Amino acid sequence: MTSDDMIKAIAENTQRCKSNSHRIDELERSGELLHKMVTALEVLATQQKNVAVQVDKIDAKVTRLEHTPMKKVYSLIGYLVAALCSAAAGAIFSGGIDLPL
């Protein structure tokens, strides 16, 4: 190998080193961006999990609230029926209504 060949090989090697250094720098930047994206995704996943838990709690509360008015209506109907039966029984036993026996 002549000195010209050696100089040419060293120049090619130097050029390849510069090119590789540039590529390594780009890969490092890409790695940093990827790390930031993964971290952001983890945060989003945690927030989504918290939102799901809150939605489940709200759903349970809404379901309970939906059934509460019906309980009140059924109670009111029961009170009305009891009042009517009491009034009828009171009228019958007080002599206000004559029943043919």
PDB file of N, CA and C in Angstrom:
ATOM      1  N   MET A   1       0.849  -1.151   0.000  1.00  0.00           N
ATOM      2  CA  MET A   1       0.000   0.000   0.000  1.00  0.00           C
ATOM      3  C   MET A   1       0.908   1.230   0.000  1.00  0.00           C
ATOM      4  N   THR A   2       0.605   2.110  -0.901  1.00  0.00           N
ATOM      5  CA  THR A   2       1.429   3.314  -1.019  1.00  0.00           C
ATOM      6  C   THR A   2       0.913   4.369  -0.061  1.00  0.00           C
ATOM      7  N   SER A   3       1.676   5.409   0.091  1.00  0.00           N
ATOM      8  CA  SER A   3       1.266   6.490   0.999  1.00  0.00           C
ATOM      9  C   SER A   3       0.022   7.193   0.470  1.00  0.00           C
ATOM     10  N   ASP A   4      -0.108   7.297  -0.861  1.00  0.00           N
ATOM     11  CA  ASP A   4      -1.323   7.903  -1.425  1.00  0.00           C
ATOM     12  C   ASP A   4      -2.548   7.057  -1.092  1.00  0.00           C
ATOM     13  N   ASP A   5      -2.391   5.734  -1.178  1.00  0.00           N
ATOM     14  CA  ASP A   5      -3.501   4.839  -0.838  1.00  0.00           C
ATOM     15  C   ASP A   5      -3.861   4.967   0.650  1.00  0.00           C
ATOM     16  N   MET A   6      -2.815   5.092   1.480  1.00  0.00           N
ATOM     17  CA  MET A   6      -3.045   5.237   2.926  1.00  0.00           C
ATOM     18  C   MET A   6      -3.747   6.562   3.239  1.00  0.00           C
ATOM     19  N   ILE A   7      -3.331   7.619   2.571  1.00  0.00           N
ATOM     20  CA  ILE A   7      -3.952   8.925   2.777  1.00  0.00           C
ATOM     21  C   ILE A   7      -5.414   8.873   2.329  1.00  0.00           C
ATOM     22  N   LYS A   8      -5.657   8.211   1.202  1.00  0.00           N
ATOM     23  CA  LYS A   8      -7.013   8.074   0.698  1.00  0.00           C
ATOM     24  C   LYS A   8      -7.863   7.242   1.661  1.00  0.00           C
ATOM     25  N   ALA A   9      -7.329   6.167   2.190  1.00  0.00           N
ATOM     26  CA  ALA A   9      -8.053   5.312   3.135  1.00  0.00           C
ATOM     27  C   ALA A   9      -8.349   6.067   4.426  1.00  0.00           C
ATOM     28  N   ILE A  10      -7.357   6.863   4.898  1.00  0.00           N
ATOM     29  CA  ILE A  10      -7.562   7.650   6.118  1.00  0.00           C
ATOM     30  C   ILE A  10      -8.639   8.705   5.882  1.00  0.00           C
ATOM     31  N   ALA A  11      -8.633   9.320   4.720  1.00  0.00           N
ATOM     32  CA  ALA A  11      -9.628  10.334   4.395  1.00  0.00           C
ATOM     33  C   ALA A  11     -11.025   9.709   4.341  1.00  0.00           C
ATOM     34  N   GLU A  12     -11.135   8.541   3.721  1.00  0.00           N
ATOM     35  CA  GLU A  12     -12.414   7.843   3.654  1.00  0.00           C
ATOM     36  C   GLU A  12     -12.889   7.449   5.061  1.00  0.00           C
ATOM     37  N   ASN A  13     -11.941   6.968   5.862  1.00  0.00           N
ATOM     38  CA  ASN A  13     -12.257   6.572   7.234  1.00  0.00           C
ATOM     39  C   ASN A  13     -12.722   7.780   8.050  1.00  0.00           C
ATOM     40  N   THR A  14     -12.044   8.916   7.866  1.00  0.00           N
ATOM     41  CA  THR A  14     -12.424  10.136   8.570  1.00  0.00           C
ATOM     42  C   THR A  14     -13.822  10.579   8.141  1.00  0.00           C
ATOM     43  N   GLN A  15     -14.081  10.515   6.851  1.00  0.00           N
ATOM     44  CA  GLN A  15     -15.400  10.906   6.337  1.00  0.00           C
ATOM     45  C   GLN A  15     -16.480   9.986   6.893  1.00  0.00           C
ATOM     46  N   ARG A  16     -16.200   8.698   6.933  1.00  0.00           N
ATOM     47  CA  ARG A  16     -17.155   7.729   7.468  1.00  0.00           C
ATOM     48  C   ARG A  16     -17.401   7.983   8.951  1.00  0.00           C
ATOM     49  N   CYS A  17     -16.352   8.344   9.687  1.00  0.00           N
ATOM     50  CA  CYS A  17     -16.489   8.656  11.119  1.00  0.00           C
ATOM     51  C   CYS A  17     -17.396   9.870  11.316  1.00  0.00           C
ATOM     52  N   LYS A  18     -17.228  10.893  10.481  1.00  0.00           N
ATOM     53  CA  LYS A  18     -18.073  12.084  10.587  1.00  0.00           C
ATOM     54  C   LYS A  18     -19.530  11.727  10.295  1.00  0.00           C
ATOM     55  N   SER A  19     -19.706  10.929   9.244  1.00  0.00           N
ATOM     56  CA  SER A  19     -21.051  10.519   8.881  1.00  0.00           C
ATOM     57  C   SER A  19     -21.688   9.695  10.005  1.00  0.00           C
ATOM     58  N   ASN A  20     -20.931   8.784  10.577  1.00  0.00           N
ATOM     59  CA  ASN A  20     -21.434   7.957  11.687  1.00  0.00           C
ATOM     60  C   ASN A  20     -21.739   8.814  12.915  1.00  0.00           C
ATOM     61  N   SER A  21     -20.898   9.792  13.185  1.00  0.00           N
ATOM     62  CA  SER A  21     -21.146  10.688  14.327  1.00  0.00           C
ATOM     63  C   SER A  21     -22.453  11.445  14.131  1.00  0.00           C
ATOM     64  N   HIS A  22     -22.683  11.909  12.915  1.00  0.00           N
ATOM     65  CA  HIS A  22     -23.926  12.621  12.613  1.00  0.00           C
ATOM     66  C   HIS A  22     -25.128  11.694  12.806  1.00  0.00           C
ATOM     67  N   ARG A  23     -25.019  10.474  12.332  1.00  0.00           N
ATOM     68  CA  ARG A  23     -26.112   9.508  12.468  1.00  0.00           C
ATOM     69  C   ARG A  23     -26.352   9.164  13.937  1.00  0.00           C
ATOM     70  N   ILE A  24     -25.285   9.035  14.712  1.00  0.00           N
ATOM     71  CA  ILE A  24     -25.423   8.733  16.148  1.00  0.00           C
ATOM     72  C   ILE A  24     -26.125   9.888  16.855  1.00  0.00           C
ATOM     73  N   ASP A  25     -25.770  11.122  16.501  1.00  0.00           N
ATOM     74  CA  ASP A  25     -26.419  12.288  17.103  1.00  0.00           C
ATOM     75  C   ASP A  25     -27.922  12.283  16.808  1.00  0.00           C
ATOM     76  N   GLU A  26     -28.270  11.959  15.567  1.00  0.00           N
ATOM     77  CA  GLU A  26     -29.692  11.895  15.198  1.00  0.00           C
ATOM     78  C   GLU A  26     -30.412  10.799  15.979  1.00  0.00           C
ATOM     79  N   LEU A  27     -29.753   9.653  16.144  1.00  0.00           N
ATOM     80  CA  LEU A  27     -30.357   8.559  16.900  1.00  0.00           C
ATOM     81  C   LEU A  27     -30.547   8.948  18.368  1.00  0.00           C
ATOM     82  N   GLU A  28     -29.604   9.684  18.927  1.00  0.00           N
ATOM     83  CA  GLU A  28     -29.740  10.134  20.318  1.00  0.00           C
ATOM     84  C   GLU A  28     -30.939  11.073  20.460  1.00  0.00           C
ATOM     85  N   ARG A  29     -31.090  11.995  19.503  1.00  0.00           N
ATOM     86  CA  ARG A  29     -32.242  12.895  19.552  1.00  0.00           C
ATOM     87  C   ARG A  29     -33.543  12.108  19.409  1.00  0.00           C
ATOM     88  N   SER A  30     -33.553  11.143  18.506  1.00  0.00           N
ATOM     89  CA  SER A  30     -34.747  10.313  18.328  1.00  0.00           C
ATOM     90  C   SER A  30     -35.048   9.518  19.595  1.00  0.00           C
ATOM     91  N   GLY A  31     -34.015   9.008  20.234  1.00  0.00           N
ATOM     92  CA  GLY A  31     -34.195   8.267  21.485  1.00  0.00           C
ATOM     93  C   GLY A  31     -34.772   9.142  22.585  1.00  0.00           C
ATOM     94  N   GLU A  32     -34.300  10.386  22.670  1.00  0.00           N
ATOM     95  CA  GLU A  32     -34.819  11.321  23.673  1.00  0.00           C
ATOM     96  C   GLU A  32     -36.292  11.633  23.402  1.00  0.00           C
ATOM     97  N   LEU A  33     -36.620  11.858  22.132  1.00  0.00           N
ATOM     98  CA  LEU A  33     -38.013  12.122  21.781  1.00  0.00           C
ATOM     99  C   LEU A  33     -38.895  10.914  22.084  1.00  0.00           C
ATOM    100  N   LEU A  34     -38.403   9.736  21.798  1.00  0.00           N
ATOM    101  CA  LEU A  34     -39.148   8.519  22.079  1.00  0.00           C
ATOM    102  C   LEU A  34     -39.388   8.371  23.576  1.00  0.00           C
ATOM    103  N   HIS A  35     -38.367   8.674  24.365  1.00  0.00           N
ATOM    104  CA  HIS A  35     -38.496   8.608  25.820  1.00  0.00           C
ATOM    105  C   HIS A  35     -39.567   9.589  26.308  1.00  0.00           C
ATOM    106  N   LYS A  36     -39.560  10.809  25.758  1.00  0.00           N
ATOM    107  CA  LYS A  36     -40.568  11.802  26.144  1.00  0.00           C
ATOM    108  C   LYS A  36     -41.966  11.330  25.766  1.00  0.00           C
ATOM    109  N   MET A  37     -42.090  10.723  24.593  1.00  0.00           N
ATOM    110  CA  MET A  37     -43.399  10.235  24.152  1.00  0.00           C
ATOM    111  C   MET A  37     -43.894   9.105  25.047  1.00  0.00           C
ATOM    112  N   VAL A  38     -43.005   8.209  25.427  1.00  0.00           N
ATOM    113  CA  VAL A  38     -43.392   7.097  26.292  1.00  0.00           C
ATOM    114  C   VAL A  38     -43.824   7.628  27.655  1.00  0.00           C
ATOM    115  N   THR A  39     -43.094   8.605  28.171  1.00  0.00           N
ATOM    116  CA  THR A  39     -43.453   9.198  29.459  1.00  0.00           C
ATOM    117  C   THR A  39     -44.818   9.865  29.375  1.00  0.00           C
ATOM    118  N   ALA A  40     -45.064  10.611  28.294  1.00  0.00           N
ATOM    119  CA  ALA A  40     -46.355  11.266  28.117  1.00  0.00           C
ATOM    120  C   ALA A  40     -47.470  10.226  27.999  1.00  0.00           C
ATOM    121  N   LEU A  41     -47.205   9.125  27.320  1.00  0.00           N
ATOM    122  CA  LEU A  41     -48.200   8.065  27.170  1.00  0.00           C
ATOM    123  C   LEU A  41     -48.522   7.424  28.516  1.00  0.00           C
ATOM    124  N   GLU A  42     -47.510   7.241  29.347  1.00  0.00           N
ATOM    125  CA  GLU A  42     -47.739   6.686  30.685  1.00  0.00           C
ATOM    126  C   GLU A  42     -48.630   7.623  31.502  1.00  0.00           C
ATOM    127  N   VAL A  43     -48.371   8.906  31.409  1.00  0.00           N
ATOM    128  CA  VAL A  43     -49.184   9.893  32.137  1.00  0.00           C
ATOM    129  C   VAL A  43     -50.619   9.846  31.632  1.00  0.00           C
ATOM    130  N   LEU A  44     -50.801   9.787  30.313  1.00  0.00           N
ATOM    131  CA  LEU A  44     -52.146   9.721  29.739  1.00  0.00           C
ATOM    132  C   LEU A  44     -52.874   8.452  30.170  1.00  0.00           C
ATOM    133  N   ALA A  45     -52.159   7.346  30.214  1.00  0.00           N
ATOM    134  CA  ALA A  45     -52.781   6.083  30.623  1.00  0.00           C
ATOM    135  C   ALA A  45     -53.235   6.160  32.078  1.00  0.00           C
ATOM    136  N   THR A  46     -52.414   6.766  32.922  1.00  0.00           N
ATOM    137  CA  THR A  46     -52.777   6.921  34.332  1.00  0.00           C
ATOM    138  C   THR A  46     -54.000   7.822  34.470  1.00  0.00           C
ATOM    139  N   GLN A  47     -54.017   8.913  33.725  1.00  0.00           N
ATOM    140  CA  GLN A  47     -55.164   9.819  33.775  1.00  0.00           C
ATOM    141  C   GLN A  47     -56.425   9.140  33.259  1.00  0.00           C
ATOM    142  N   GLN A  48     -56.289   8.352  32.214  1.00  0.00           N
ATOM    143  CA  GLN A  48     -57.441   7.649  31.655  1.00  0.00           C
ATOM    144  C   GLN A  48     -57.988   6.655  32.678  1.00  0.00           C
ATOM    145  N   LYS A  49     -57.099   5.995  33.400  1.00  0.00           N
ATOM    146  CA  LYS A  49     -57.533   5.048  34.426  1.00  0.00           C
ATOM    147  C   LYS A  49     -58.294   5.786  35.525  1.00  0.00           C
ATOM    148  N   ASN A  50     -57.794   6.942  35.932  1.00  0.00           N
ATOM    149  CA  ASN A  50     -58.474   7.736  36.956  1.00  0.00           C
ATOM    150  C   ASN A  50     -59.837   8.203  36.470  1.00  0.00           C
ATOM    151  N   VAL A  51     -59.928   8.597  35.211  1.00  0.00           N
ATOM    152  CA  VAL A  51     -61.202   9.027  34.642  1.00  0.00           C
ATOM    153  C   VAL A  51     -62.185   7.857  34.637  1.00  0.00           C
ATOM    154  N   ALA A  52     -61.718   6.677  34.292  1.00  0.00           N
ATOM    155  CA  ALA A  52     -62.589   5.496  34.268  1.00  0.00           C
ATOM    156  C   ALA A  52     -63.134   5.194  35.663  1.00  0.00           C
ATOM    157  N   VAL A  53     -62.297   5.326  36.667  1.00  0.00           N
ATOM    158  CA  VAL A  53     -62.742   5.094  38.046  1.00  0.00           C
ATOM    159  C   VAL A  53     -63.806   6.121  38.430  1.00  0.00           C
ATOM    160  N   GLN A  54     -63.564   7.383  38.078  1.00  0.00           N
ATOM    161  CA  GLN A  54     -64.532   8.433  38.396  1.00  0.00           C
ATOM    162  C   GLN A  54     -65.851   8.210  37.653  1.00  0.00           C
ATOM    163  N   VAL A  55     -65.787   7.777  36.409  1.00  0.00           N
ATOM    164  CA  VAL A  55     -67.000   7.506  35.632  1.00  0.00           C
ATOM    165  C   VAL A  55     -67.791   6.369  36.280  1.00  0.00           C
ATOM    166  N   ASP A  56     -67.107   5.352  36.761  1.00  0.00           N
ATOM    167  CA  ASP A  56     -67.793   4.252  37.436  1.00  0.00           C
ATOM    168  C   ASP A  56     -68.506   4.745  38.693  1.00  0.00           C
ATOM    169  N   LYS A  57     -67.850   5.613  39.460  1.00  0.00           N
ATOM    170  CA  LYS A  57     -68.463   6.164  40.669  1.00  0.00           C
ATOM    171  C   LYS A  57     -69.694   6.997  40.311  1.00  0.00           C
ATOM    172  N   ILE A  58     -69.562   7.829  39.292  1.00  0.00           N
ATOM    173  CA  ILE A  58     -70.684   8.670  38.872  1.00  0.00           C
ATOM    174  C   ILE A  58     -71.832   7.803  38.370  1.00  0.00           C
ATOM    175  N   ASP A  59     -71.529   6.746  37.636  1.00  0.00           N
ATOM    176  CA  ASP A  59     -72.561   5.844  37.133  1.00  0.00           C
ATOM    177  C   ASP A  59     -73.324   5.207  38.290  1.00  0.00           C
ATOM    178  N   ALA A  60     -72.607   4.794  39.325  1.00  0.00           N
ATOM    179  CA  ALA A  60     -73.267   4.198  40.487  1.00  0.00           C
ATOM    180  C   ALA A  60     -74.176   5.215  41.167  1.00  0.00           C
ATOM    181  N   LYS A  61     -73.719   6.452  41.279  1.00  0.00           N
ATOM    182  CA  LYS A  61     -74.529   7.493  41.911  1.00  0.00           C
ATOM    183  C   LYS A  61     -75.767   7.812  41.078  1.00  0.00           C
ATOM    184  N   VAL A  62     -75.610   7.898  39.771  1.00  0.00           N
ATOM    185  CA  VAL A  62     -76.747   8.189  38.891  1.00  0.00           C
ATOM    186  C   VAL A  62     -77.770   7.059  38.957  1.00  0.00           C
ATOM    187  N   THR A  63     -77.298   5.843  38.965  1.00  0.00           N
ATOM    188  CA  THR A  63     -78.201   4.699  39.064  1.00  0.00           C
ATOM    189  C   THR A  63     -78.993   4.762  40.364  1.00  0.00           C
ATOM    190  N   ARG A  64     -78.295   5.076  41.452  1.00  0.00           N
ATOM    191  CA  ARG A  64     -78.965   5.189  42.751  1.00  0.00           C
ATOM    192  C   ARG A  64     -80.000   6.320  42.717  1.00  0.00           C
ATOM    193  N   LEU A  65     -79.641   7.440  42.101  1.00  0.00           N
ATOM    194  CA  LEU A  65     -80.570   8.572  42.015  1.00  0.00           C
ATOM    195  C   LEU A  65     -81.779   8.258  41.141  1.00  0.00           C
ATOM    196  N   GLU A  66     -81.570   7.461  40.102  1.00  0.00           N
ATOM    197  CA  GLU A  66     -82.689   7.092  39.235  1.00  0.00           C
ATOM    198  C   GLU A  66     -83.709   6.249  39.972  1.00  0.00           C
ATOM    199  N   HIS A  67     -83.269   5.409  40.903  1.00  0.00           N
ATOM    200  CA  HIS A  67     -84.179   4.525  41.620  1.00  0.00           C
ATOM    201  C   HIS A  67     -84.820   5.215  42.819  1.00  0.00           C
ATOM    202  N   THR A  68     -84.240   6.266  43.328  1.00  0.00           N
ATOM    203  CA  THR A  68     -84.772   6.955  44.503  1.00  0.00           C
ATOM    204  C   THR A  68     -86.167   7.533  44.262  1.00  0.00           C
ATOM    205  N   PRO A  69     -86.429   8.241  43.159  1.00  0.00           N
ATOM    206  CA  PRO A  69     -87.793   8.763  42.952  1.00  0.00           C
ATOM    207  C   PRO A  69     -88.844   7.661  42.902  1.00  0.00           C
ATOM    208  N   MET A  70     -88.525   6.532  42.319  1.00  0.00           N
ATOM    209  CA  MET A  70     -89.491   5.439  42.246  1.00  0.00           C
ATOM    210  C   MET A  70     -89.800   4.903  43.647  1.00  0.00           C
ATOM    211  N   LYS A  71     -88.819   4.864  44.519  1.00  0.00           N
ATOM    212  CA  LYS A  71     -89.067   4.431  45.893  1.00  0.00           C
ATOM    213  C   LYS A  71     -90.036   5.385  46.567  1.00  0.00           C
ATOM    214  N   LYS A  72     -89.861   6.670  46.290  1.00  0.00           N
ATOM    215  CA  LYS A  72     -90.754   7.663  46.882  1.00  0.00           C
ATOM    216  C   LYS A  72     -92.166   7.509  46.334  1.00  0.00           C
ATOM    217  N   VAL A  73     -92.297   7.236  45.046  1.00  0.00           N
ATOM    218  CA  VAL A  73     -93.614   7.049  44.434  1.00  0.00           C
ATOM    219  C   VAL A  73     -94.288   5.821  45.027  1.00  0.00           C
ATOM    220  N   TYR A  74     -93.558   4.727  45.166  1.00  0.00           N
ATOM    221  CA  TYR A  74     -94.134   3.515  45.743  1.00  0.00           C
ATOM    222  C   TYR A  74     -94.545   3.743  47.199  1.00  0.00           C
ATOM    223  N   SER A  75     -93.758   4.482  47.940  1.00  0.00           N
ATOM    224  CA  SER A  75     -94.103   4.799  49.322  1.00  0.00           C
ATOM    225  C   SER A  75     -95.367   5.643  49.369  1.00  0.00           C
ATOM    226  N   LEU A  76     -95.465   6.631  48.483  1.00  0.00           N
ATOM    227  CA  LEU A  76     -96.641   7.492  48.434  1.00  0.00           C
ATOM    228  C   LEU A  76     -97.892   6.690  48.090  1.00  0.00           C
ATOM    229  N   ILE A  77     -97.783   5.792  47.137  1.00  0.00           N
ATOM    230  CA  ILE A  77     -98.919   4.932  46.770  1.00  0.00           C
ATOM    231  C   ILE A  77     -99.324   4.061  47.960  1.00  0.00           C
ATOM    232  N   GLY A  78     -98.351   3.533  48.652  1.00  0.00           N
ATOM    233  CA  GLY A  78     -98.645   2.716  49.840  1.00  0.00           C
ATOM    234  C   GLY A  78     -99.362   3.527  50.903  1.00  0.00           C
ATOM    235  N   TYR A  79     -98.931   4.769  51.132  1.00  0.00           N
ATOM    236  CA  TYR A  79     -99.587   5.628  52.116  1.00  0.00           C
ATOM    237  C   TYR A  79    -101.023   5.946  51.696  1.00  0.00           C
ATOM    238  N   LEU A  80    -101.226   6.212  50.402  1.00  0.00           N
ATOM    239  CA  LEU A  80    -102.572   6.511  49.906  1.00  0.00           C
ATOM    240  C   LEU A  80    -103.503   5.311  50.067  1.00  0.00           C
ATOM    241  N   VAL A  81    -103.024   4.136  49.735  1.00  0.00           N
ATOM    242  CA  VAL A  81    -103.842   2.922  49.874  1.00  0.00           C
ATOM    243  C   VAL A  81    -104.175   2.698  51.346  1.00  0.00           C
ATOM    244  N   ALA A  82    -103.196   2.871  52.223  1.00  0.00           N
ATOM    245  CA  ALA A  82    -103.436   2.692  53.662  1.00  0.00           C
ATOM    246  C   ALA A  82    -104.442   3.723  54.164  1.00  0.00           C
ATOM    247  N   ALA A  83    -104.330   4.959  53.696  1.00  0.00           N
ATOM    248  CA  ALA A  83    -105.269   6.003  54.124  1.00  0.00           C
ATOM    249  C   ALA A  83    -106.679   5.700  53.648  1.00  0.00           C
ATOM    250  N   LEU A  84    -106.829   5.254  52.396  1.00  0.00           N
ATOM    251  CA  LEU A  84    -108.156   4.909  51.882  1.00  0.00           C
ATOM    252  C   LEU A  84    -108.761   3.729  52.633  1.00  0.00           C
ATOM    253  N   CYS A  85    -107.942   2.727  52.910  1.00  0.00           N
ATOM    254  CA  CYS A  85    -108.436   1.564  53.659  1.00  0.00           C
ATOM    255  C   CYS A  85    -108.833   1.980  55.076  1.00  0.00           C
ATOM    256  N   SER A  86    -108.048   2.819  55.686  1.00  0.00           N
ATOM    257  CA  SER A  86    -108.367   3.292  57.041  1.00  0.00           C
ATOM    258  C   SER A  86    -109.643   4.108  57.035  1.00  0.00           C
ATOM    259  N   ALA A  87    -109.797   4.973  56.036  1.00  0.00           N
ATOM    260  CA  ALA A  87    -111.013   5.794  55.957  1.00  0.00           C
ATOM    261  C   ALA A  87    -112.235   4.913  55.748  1.00  0.00           C
ATOM    262  N   ALA A  88    -112.122   3.914  54.884  1.00  0.00           N
ATOM    263  CA  ALA A  88    -113.244   3.012  54.630  1.00  0.00           C
ATOM    264  C   ALA A  88    -113.576   2.211  55.877  1.00  0.00           C
ATOM    265  N   ALA A  89    -112.561   1.705  56.555  1.00  0.00           N
ATOM    266  CA  ALA A  89    -112.794   0.926  57.774  1.00  0.00           C
ATOM    267  C   ALA A  89    -113.390   1.818  58.852  1.00  0.00           C
ATOM    268  N   GLY A  90    -112.888   3.038  58.949  1.00  0.00           N
ATOM    269  CA  GLY A  90    -113.442   3.965  59.943  1.00  0.00           C
ATOM    270  C   GLY A  90    -114.882   4.298  59.659  1.00  0.00           C
ATOM    271  N   ALA A  91    -115.222   4.488  58.403  1.00  0.00           N
ATOM    272  CA  ALA A  91    -116.599   4.802  58.038  1.00  0.00           C
ATOM    273  C   ALA A  91    -117.511   3.623  58.320  1.00  0.00           C
ATOM    274  N   ILE A  92    -117.044   2.427  58.038  1.00  0.00           N
ATOM    275  CA  ILE A  92    -117.856   1.230  58.260  1.00  0.00           C
ATOM    276  C   ILE A  92    -118.089   1.024  59.759  1.00  0.00           C
ATOM    277  N   PHE A  93    -117.034   1.120  60.570  1.00  0.00           N
ATOM    278  CA  PHE A  93    -117.155   0.850  61.998  1.00  0.00           C
ATOM    279  C   PHE A  93    -117.830   1.994  62.761  1.00  0.00           C
ATOM    280  N   SER A  94    -117.847   3.175  62.192  1.00  0.00           N
ATOM    281  CA  SER A  94    -118.509   4.286  62.882  1.00  0.00           C
ATOM    282  C   SER A  94    -119.990   4.364  62.545  1.00  0.00           C
ATOM    283  N   GLY A  95    -120.412   3.550  61.638  1.00  0.00           N
ATOM    284  CA  GLY A  95    -121.824   3.526  61.274  1.00  0.00           C
ATOM    285  C   GLY A  95    -122.164   4.483  60.164  1.00  0.00           C
ATOM    286  N   GLY A  96    -121.192   5.074  59.554  1.00  0.00           N
ATOM    287  CA  GLY A  96    -121.422   6.014  58.481  1.00  0.00           C
ATOM    288  C   GLY A  96    -121.868   5.336  57.206  1.00  0.00           C
ATOM    289  N   ILE A  97    -121.585   4.053  57.049  1.00  0.00           N
ATOM    290  CA  ILE A  97    -121.976   3.306  55.868  1.00  0.00           C
ATOM    291  C   ILE A  97    -122.747   2.086  56.346  1.00  0.00           C
ATOM    292  N   ASP A  98    -123.964   1.890  55.841  1.00  0.00           N
ATOM    293  CA  ASP A  98    -124.759   0.721  56.207  1.00  0.00           C
ATOM    294  C   ASP A  98    -124.480  -0.387  55.217  1.00  0.00           C
ATOM    295  N   LEU A  99    -124.029  -1.502  55.733  1.00  0.00           N
ATOM    296  CA  LEU A  99    -123.782  -2.667  54.898  1.00  0.00           C
ATOM    297  C   LEU A  99    -124.923  -3.663  55.104  1.00  0.00           C
ATOM    298  N   PRO A 100    -125.497  -4.127  54.009  1.00  0.00           N
ATOM    299  CA  PRO A 100    -126.554  -5.136  54.175  1.00  0.00           C
ATOM    300  C   PRO A 100    -125.935  -6.464  54.571  1.00  0.00           C
ATOM    301  N   LEU A 101    -126.382  -6.961  55.691  1.00  0.00           N
ATOM    302  CA  LEU A 101    -125.844  -8.263  56.166  1.00  0.00           C
ATOM    303  C   LEU A 101    -126.832  -9.346  56.044  1.00  0.00           C
TER     304      LEU A 101
END
